[in-house]
Amino acid sequence: MTVTVRFAPSPTGRIHIGNARTALFNWLFAVNNKGRYIQRFDDTDIGRSKQEFADSILYDLHWLG
């Protein structure tokens, strides 16, 4: 069985250090277990969600490594 983890923030603002930590821990867990890391965005708050925030989150995670 393949381990699968995800990080799924709502794109309602920029990520903070707690979000980055969660994404990092999930990614490390997946790598350590030869699993998959999935990046997705929750769409439960459509009224406040914006594409610019989704783009910003992806950029920040890429910048962090």
N, C-alpha and C. Protein backbone atom coordinates (compact mmCIF):
# COMPACT_ATOMS: atom_id res chain seq x y z
N MET A 1 0.84 -1.18 0.00
CA MET A 1 0.00 0.00 0.00
C MET A 1 0.89 1.25 0.00
N THR A 2 0.54 2.21 -0.82
CA THR A 2 1.29 3.46 -0.92
C THR A 2 0.71 4.50 0.02
N VAL A 3 1.57 5.11 0.82
CA VAL A 3 1.15 6.19 1.71
C VAL A 3 0.87 7.42 0.86
N THR A 4 -0.27 8.07 1.11
CA THR A 4 -0.62 9.30 0.42
C THR A 4 -0.99 10.35 1.45
N VAL A 5 -0.36 11.50 1.37
CA VAL A 5 -0.67 12.62 2.25
C VAL A 5 -1.00 13.83 1.39
N ARG A 6 -1.65 14.81 2.00
CA ARG A 6 -2.02 16.01 1.25
C ARG A 6 -1.88 17.24 2.14
N PHE A 7 -1.77 18.36 1.48
CA PHE A 7 -1.85 19.66 2.14
C PHE A 7 -2.90 20.43 1.36
N ALA A 8 -3.97 20.82 2.04
CA ALA A 8 -5.12 21.41 1.33
C ALA A 8 -5.61 22.67 2.03
N PRO A 9 -4.87 23.76 1.92
CA PRO A 9 -5.33 25.01 2.52
C PRO A 9 -6.46 25.64 1.70
N SER A 10 -7.24 26.48 2.34
CA SER A 10 -8.22 27.28 1.61
C SER A 10 -7.49 28.51 1.07
N PRO A 11 -7.65 28.84 -0.18
CA PRO A 11 -6.95 30.00 -0.74
C PRO A 11 -7.66 31.31 -0.38
N THR A 12 -7.72 31.58 0.92
CA THR A 12 -8.39 32.79 1.40
C THR A 12 -7.40 33.81 1.94
N GLY A 13 -6.12 33.54 1.79
CA GLY A 13 -5.07 34.43 2.26
C GLY A 13 -3.73 33.75 2.07
N ARG A 14 -2.69 34.41 2.51
CA ARG A 14 -1.35 33.84 2.38
C ARG A 14 -1.12 32.79 3.47
N ILE A 15 -0.18 31.89 3.23
CA ILE A 15 0.11 30.88 4.25
C ILE A 15 0.94 31.50 5.36
N HIS A 16 0.85 30.90 6.54
CA HIS A 16 1.66 31.34 7.67
C HIS A 16 2.60 30.21 8.06
N ILE A 17 3.42 30.42 9.05
CA ILE A 17 4.45 29.45 9.42
C ILE A 17 3.85 28.11 9.82
N GLY A 18 2.67 28.12 10.44
CA GLY A 18 2.02 26.86 10.81
C GLY A 18 1.60 26.06 9.60
N ASN A 19 1.11 26.74 8.56
CA ASN A 19 0.78 26.06 7.31
C ASN A 19 2.02 25.46 6.67
N ALA A 20 3.08 26.24 6.64
CA ALA A 20 4.33 25.77 6.03
C ALA A 20 4.86 24.55 6.77
N ARG A 21 4.77 24.57 8.09
CA ARG A 21 5.22 23.43 8.89
C ARG A 21 4.42 22.18 8.56
N THR A 22 3.10 22.32 8.48
CA THR A 22 2.24 21.18 8.15
C THR A 22 2.58 20.62 6.77
N ALA A 23 2.76 21.49 5.79
CA ALA A 23 3.12 21.04 4.45
C ALA A 23 4.46 20.31 4.47
N LEU A 24 5.43 20.86 5.19
CA LEU A 24 6.75 20.23 5.28
C LEU A 24 6.68 18.86 5.94
N PHE A 25 5.98 18.76 7.07
CA PHE A 25 5.86 17.47 7.76
C PHE A 25 5.18 16.43 6.88
N ASN A 26 4.13 16.84 6.17
CA ASN A 26 3.45 15.90 5.28
C ASN A 26 4.37 15.44 4.16
N TRP A 27 5.11 16.37 3.58
CA TRP A 27 6.04 16.02 2.50
C TRP A 27 7.13 15.09 3.00
N LEU A 28 7.71 15.40 4.16
CA LEU A 28 8.76 14.55 4.72
C LEU A 28 8.23 13.15 5.03
N PHE A 29 7.01 13.06 5.55
CA PHE A 29 6.41 11.77 5.84
C PHE A 29 6.25 10.96 4.56
N ALA A 30 5.78 11.61 3.51
CA ALA A 30 5.61 10.92 2.22
C ALA A 30 6.95 10.43 1.68
N VAL A 31 7.96 11.29 1.71
CA VAL A 31 9.28 10.92 1.20
C VAL A 31 9.85 9.76 2.01
N ASN A 32 9.75 9.84 3.33
CA ASN A 32 10.30 8.82 4.21
C ASN A 32 9.64 7.46 4.01
N ASN A 33 8.38 7.47 3.59
CA ASN A 33 7.63 6.23 3.41
C ASN A 33 7.43 5.86 1.94
N LYS A 34 8.20 6.51 1.07
CA LYS A 34 8.10 6.27 -0.39
C LYS A 34 6.66 6.42 -0.87
N GLY A 35 6.03 7.47 -0.38
CA GLY A 35 4.62 7.71 -0.70
C GLY A 35 4.43 8.88 -1.64
N ARG A 36 3.21 9.39 -1.63
CA ARG A 36 2.83 10.50 -2.51
C ARG A 36 2.40 11.70 -1.66
N TYR A 37 2.78 12.87 -2.12
CA TYR A 37 2.35 14.14 -1.51
C TYR A 37 1.46 14.82 -2.54
N ILE A 38 0.27 15.19 -2.12
CA ILE A 38 -0.69 15.85 -3.02
C ILE A 38 -0.94 17.26 -2.51
N GLN A 39 -0.80 18.22 -3.40
CA GLN A 39 -1.13 19.62 -3.10
C GLN A 39 -2.46 19.93 -3.74
N ARG A 40 -3.43 20.32 -2.93
CA ARG A 40 -4.73 20.71 -3.48
C ARG A 40 -5.23 21.89 -2.68
N PHE A 41 -6.32 22.48 -3.13
CA PHE A 41 -6.92 23.61 -2.42
C PHE A 41 -8.36 23.28 -2.08
N ASP A 42 -8.74 23.54 -0.83
CA ASP A 42 -10.13 23.37 -0.42
C ASP A 42 -10.97 24.46 -1.05
N ASP A 43 -12.14 24.10 -1.49
CA ASP A 43 -13.04 25.08 -2.12
C ASP A 43 -14.31 25.25 -1.30
N THR A 44 -14.18 25.14 0.02
CA THR A 44 -15.35 25.23 0.89
C THR A 44 -15.75 26.66 1.20
N ASP A 45 -14.89 27.62 0.94
CA ASP A 45 -15.19 29.03 1.22
C ASP A 45 -15.04 29.83 -0.07
N ILE A 46 -15.91 29.57 -1.01
CA ILE A 46 -15.80 30.17 -2.34
C ILE A 46 -15.91 31.69 -2.29
N GLY A 47 -16.67 32.20 -1.35
CA GLY A 47 -16.84 33.65 -1.25
C GLY A 47 -15.55 34.40 -0.97
N ARG A 48 -14.66 33.81 -0.20
CA ARG A 48 -13.39 34.48 0.15
C ARG A 48 -12.20 33.95 -0.62
N SER A 49 -12.34 32.83 -1.30
CA SER A 49 -11.23 32.23 -2.05
C SER A 49 -10.91 33.05 -3.29
N LYS A 50 -9.61 33.20 -3.55
CA LYS A 50 -9.17 33.95 -4.73
C LYS A 50 -8.00 33.22 -5.38
N GLN A 51 -7.95 33.28 -6.69
CA GLN A 51 -6.86 32.65 -7.44
C GLN A 51 -5.52 33.24 -7.05
N GLU A 52 -5.47 34.54 -6.76
CA GLU A 52 -4.20 35.16 -6.40
C GLU A 52 -3.63 34.56 -5.12
N PHE A 53 -4.50 34.16 -4.19
CA PHE A 53 -4.02 33.52 -2.96
C PHE A 53 -3.51 32.11 -3.25
N ALA A 54 -4.19 31.38 -4.12
CA ALA A 54 -3.72 30.04 -4.50
C ALA A 54 -2.34 30.14 -5.16
N ASP A 55 -2.19 31.10 -6.06
CA ASP A 55 -0.90 31.31 -6.72
C ASP A 55 0.18 31.67 -5.71
N SER A 56 -0.18 32.52 -4.74
CA SER A 56 0.76 32.94 -3.71
C SER A 56 1.20 31.77 -2.84
N ILE A 57 0.26 30.91 -2.49
CA ILE A 57 0.58 29.74 -1.66
C ILE A 57 1.54 28.82 -2.41
N LEU A 58 1.26 28.56 -3.67
CA LEU A 58 2.16 27.70 -4.46
C LEU A 58 3.54 28.33 -4.59
N TYR A 59 3.59 29.63 -4.82
CA TYR A 59 4.87 30.32 -4.94
C TYR A 59 5.66 30.21 -3.63
N ASP A 60 4.98 30.47 -2.51
CA ASP A 60 5.66 30.42 -1.21
C ASP A 60 6.18 29.02 -0.90
N LEU A 61 5.39 27.99 -1.17
CA LEU A 61 5.84 26.62 -0.93
C LEU A 61 7.02 26.27 -1.82
N HIS A 62 6.97 26.71 -3.07
CA HIS A 62 8.09 26.47 -3.98
C HIS A 62 9.35 27.18 -3.48
N TRP A 63 9.18 28.41 -3.01
CA TRP A 63 10.31 29.18 -2.49
C TRP A 63 10.92 28.50 -1.28
N LEU A 64 10.07 27.93 -0.42
CA LEU A 64 10.56 27.25 0.77
C LEU A 64 11.31 25.96 0.44
N GLY A 65 11.04 25.42 -0.74
CA GLY A 65 11.77 24.23 -1.16
C GLY A 65 10.91 23.04 -1.16
